[in-house]
Amino acid sequence: MISLYVAGDLIGAPEREVAAHLAACDGCRRLADEFSESRS
């Protein structure tokens, strides 16, 4: 799900749920940052 979120492929409730989780979870936020860096 995190990779889909970073790619912008989630919409609606799933996008909001992942965003809320990332706001609270340092480990997943770091993972999202890694996905984002690899897409650059």
PDB file of N, CA and C in Angstrom:
ATOM      1  N   MET A   1       0.812  -1.197   0.000  1.00  0.00           N
ATOM      2  CA  MET A   1       0.000   0.000   0.000  1.00  0.00           C
ATOM      3  C   MET A   1       0.855   1.260   0.000  1.00  0.00           C
ATOM      4  N   ILE A   2       1.980   1.225   0.719  1.00  0.00           N
ATOM      5  CA  ILE A   2       2.814   2.426   0.792  1.00  0.00           C
ATOM      6  C   ILE A   2       3.361   2.784  -0.581  1.00  0.00           C
ATOM      7  N   SER A   3       3.782   1.788  -1.334  1.00  0.00           N
ATOM      8  CA  SER A   3       4.310   2.087  -2.668  1.00  0.00           C
ATOM      9  C   SER A   3       3.221   2.670  -3.564  1.00  0.00           C
ATOM     10  N   LEU A   4       2.001   2.183  -3.442  1.00  0.00           N
ATOM     11  CA  LEU A   4       0.885   2.739  -4.213  1.00  0.00           C
ATOM     12  C   LEU A   4       0.597   4.176  -3.791  1.00  0.00           C
ATOM     13  N   TYR A   5       0.689   4.434  -2.498  1.00  0.00           N
ATOM     14  CA  TYR A   5       0.471   5.786  -1.985  1.00  0.00           C
ATOM     15  C   TYR A   5       1.522   6.739  -2.548  1.00  0.00           C
ATOM     16  N   VAL A   6       2.782   6.336  -2.480  1.00  0.00           N
ATOM     17  CA  VAL A   6       3.872   7.180  -2.974  1.00  0.00           C
ATOM     18  C   VAL A   6       3.715   7.434  -4.472  1.00  0.00           C
ATOM     19  N   ALA A   7       3.257   6.435  -5.206  1.00  0.00           N
ATOM     20  CA  ALA A   7       3.079   6.572  -6.652  1.00  0.00           C
ATOM     21  C   ALA A   7       1.851   7.405  -7.009  1.00  0.00           C
ATOM     22  N   GLY A   8       1.011   7.705  -6.015  1.00  0.00           N
ATOM     23  CA  GLY A   8      -0.197   8.475  -6.278  1.00  0.00           C
ATOM     24  C   GLY A   8      -1.330   7.642  -6.835  1.00  0.00           C
ATOM     25  N   ASP A   9      -1.243   6.326  -6.625  1.00  0.00           N
ATOM     26  CA  ASP A   9      -2.241   5.417  -7.179  1.00  0.00           C
ATOM     27  C   ASP A   9      -3.406   5.117  -6.238  1.00  0.00           C
ATOM     28  N   LEU A  10      -3.411   5.691  -5.047  1.00  0.00           N
ATOM     29  CA  LEU A  10      -4.531   5.500  -4.124  1.00  0.00           C
ATOM     30  C   LEU A  10      -5.400   6.746  -4.148  1.00  0.00           C
ATOM     31  N   ILE A  11      -6.694   6.539  -4.045  1.00  0.00           N
ATOM     32  CA  ILE A  11      -7.622   7.665  -3.967  1.00  0.00           C
ATOM     33  C   ILE A  11      -8.648   7.395  -2.879  1.00  0.00           C
ATOM     34  N   GLY A  12      -9.240   8.436  -2.384  1.00  0.00           N
ATOM     35  CA  GLY A  12     -10.314   8.302  -1.414  1.00  0.00           C
ATOM     36  C   GLY A  12      -9.857   7.763  -0.076  1.00  0.00           C
ATOM     37  N   ALA A  13     -10.682   6.888   0.496  1.00  0.00           N
ATOM     38  CA  ALA A  13     -10.444   6.366   1.837  1.00  0.00           C
ATOM     39  C   ALA A  13      -9.088   5.677   1.978  1.00  0.00           C
ATOM     40  N   PRO A  14      -8.672   4.825   1.037  1.00  0.00           N
ATOM     41  CA  PRO A  14      -7.362   4.191   1.198  1.00  0.00           C
ATOM     42  C   PRO A  14      -6.222   5.216   1.285  1.00  0.00           C
ATOM     43  N   GLU A  15      -6.292   6.259   0.477  1.00  0.00           N
ATOM     44  CA  GLU A  15      -5.261   7.300   0.520  1.00  0.00           C
ATOM     45  C   GLU A  15      -5.242   7.979   1.890  1.00  0.00           C
ATOM     46  N   ARG A  16      -6.406   8.304   2.403  1.00  0.00           N
ATOM     47  CA  ARG A  16      -6.491   8.961   3.714  1.00  0.00           C
ATOM     48  C   ARG A  16      -5.999   8.043   4.826  1.00  0.00           C
ATOM     49  N   GLU A  17      -6.322   6.755   4.738  1.00  0.00           N
ATOM     50  CA  GLU A  17      -5.893   5.807   5.764  1.00  0.00           C
ATOM     51  C   GLU A  17      -4.376   5.669   5.786  1.00  0.00           C
ATOM     52  N   VAL A  18      -3.759   5.569   4.614  1.00  0.00           N
ATOM     53  CA  VAL A  18      -2.300   5.451   4.558  1.00  0.00           C
ATOM     54  C   VAL A  18      -1.659   6.744   5.051  1.00  0.00           C
ATOM     55  N   ALA A  19      -2.188   7.890   4.645  1.00  0.00           N
ATOM     56  CA  ALA A  19      -1.641   9.176   5.092  1.00  0.00           C
ATOM     57  C   ALA A  19      -1.700   9.288   6.613  1.00  0.00           C
ATOM     58  N   ALA A  20      -2.808   8.881   7.201  1.00  0.00           N
ATOM     59  CA  ALA A  20      -2.948   8.930   8.656  1.00  0.00           C
ATOM     60  C   ALA A  20      -1.958   7.985   9.321  1.00  0.00           C
ATOM     61  N   HIS A  21      -1.784   6.807   8.752  1.00  0.00           N
ATOM     62  CA  HIS A  21      -0.835   5.854   9.315  1.00  0.00           C
ATOM     63  C   HIS A  21       0.588   6.399   9.230  1.00  0.00           C
ATOM     64  N   LEU A  22       0.943   6.972   8.088  1.00  0.00           N
ATOM     65  CA  LEU A  22       2.290   7.513   7.927  1.00  0.00           C
ATOM     66  C   LEU A  22       2.554   8.652   8.903  1.00  0.00           C
ATOM     67  N   ALA A  23       1.533   9.408   9.238  1.00  0.00           N
ATOM     68  CA  ALA A  23       1.694  10.506  10.190  1.00  0.00           C
ATOM     69  C   ALA A  23       2.036   9.988  11.584  1.00  0.00           C
ATOM     70  N   ALA A  24       1.632   8.752  11.884  1.00  0.00           N
ATOM     71  CA  ALA A  24       1.820   8.203  13.221  1.00  0.00           C
ATOM     72  C   ALA A  24       2.933   7.166  13.323  1.00  0.00           C
ATOM     73  N   CYS A  25       3.418   6.659  12.194  1.00  0.00           N
ATOM     74  CA  CYS A  25       4.354   5.527  12.220  1.00  0.00           C
ATOM     75  C   CYS A  25       5.688   5.911  11.576  1.00  0.00           C
ATOM     76  N   ASP A  26       6.712   6.070  12.412  1.00  0.00           N
ATOM     77  CA  ASP A  26       8.032   6.464  11.908  1.00  0.00           C
ATOM     78  C   ASP A  26       8.611   5.450  10.931  1.00  0.00           C
ATOM     79  N   GLY A  27       8.458   4.173  11.223  1.00  0.00           N
ATOM     80  CA  GLY A  27       9.022   3.139  10.361  1.00  0.00           C
ATOM     81  C   GLY A  27       8.419   3.157   8.964  1.00  0.00           C
ATOM     82  N   CYS A  28       7.121   3.278   8.899  1.00  0.00           N
ATOM     83  CA  CYS A  28       6.461   3.311   7.593  1.00  0.00           C
ATOM     84  C   CYS A  28       6.752   4.617   6.861  1.00  0.00           C
ATOM     85  N   ARG A  29       6.885   5.703   7.614  1.00  0.00           N
ATOM     86  CA  ARG A  29       7.226   6.978   6.993  1.00  0.00           C
ATOM     87  C   ARG A  29       8.617   6.899   6.357  1.00  0.00           C
ATOM     88  N   ARG A  30       9.557   6.254   7.043  1.00  0.00           N
ATOM     89  CA  ARG A  30      10.897   6.055   6.465  1.00  0.00           C
ATOM     90  C   ARG A  30      10.815   5.199   5.206  1.00  0.00           C
ATOM     91  N   LEU A  31      10.000   4.161   5.241  1.00  0.00           N
ATOM     92  CA  LEU A  31       9.814   3.307   4.072  1.00  0.00           C
ATOM     93  C   LEU A  31       9.231   4.114   2.913  1.00  0.00           C
ATOM     94  N   ALA A  32       8.259   4.954   3.195  1.00  0.00           N
ATOM     95  CA  ALA A  32       7.670   5.803   2.159  1.00  0.00           C
ATOM     96  C   ALA A  32       8.720   6.743   1.585  1.00  0.00           C
ATOM     97  N   ASP A  33       9.585   7.277   2.439  1.00  0.00           N
ATOM     98  CA  ASP A  33      10.665   8.151   1.963  1.00  0.00           C
ATOM     99  C   ASP A  33      11.604   7.389   1.035  1.00  0.00           C
ATOM    100  N   GLU A  34      11.906   6.141   1.380  1.00  0.00           N
ATOM    101  CA  GLU A  34      12.778   5.318   0.533  1.00  0.00           C
ATOM    102  C   GLU A  34      12.124   5.062  -0.825  1.00  0.00           C
ATOM    103  N   PHE A  35      10.835   4.745  -0.831  1.00  0.00           N
ATOM    104  CA  PHE A  35      10.119   4.557  -2.098  1.00  0.00           C
ATOM    105  C   PHE A  35      10.165   5.834  -2.928  1.00  0.00           C
ATOM    106  N   SER A  36       9.939   6.949  -2.264  1.00  0.00           N
ATOM    107  CA  SER A  36       9.931   8.235  -2.958  1.00  0.00           C
ATOM    108  C   SER A  36      11.296   8.537  -3.574  1.00  0.00           C
ATOM    109  N   GLU A  37      12.358   8.277  -2.833  1.00  0.00           N
ATOM    110  CA  GLU A  37      13.714   8.515  -3.338  1.00  0.00           C
ATOM    111  C   GLU A  37      14.032   7.607  -4.515  1.00  0.00           C
ATOM    112  N   SER A  38      13.556   6.376  -4.478  1.00  0.00           N
ATOM    113  CA  SER A  38      13.855   5.437  -5.560  1.00  0.00           C
ATOM    114  C   SER A  38      13.099   5.794  -6.839  1.00  0.00           C
ATOM    115  N   ARG A  39      12.004   6.550  -6.703  1.00  0.00           N
ATOM    116  CA  ARG A  39      11.227   6.968  -7.874  1.00  0.00           C
ATOM    117  C   ARG A  39      11.843   8.187  -8.552  1.00  0.00           C
ATOM    118  N   SER A  40      12.743   8.863  -7.872  1.00  0.00           N
ATOM    119  CA  SER A  40      13.348  10.088  -8.424  1.00  0.00           C
ATOM    120  C   SER A  40      14.374   9.792  -9.482  1.00  0.00           C
TER     121      SER A  40
END
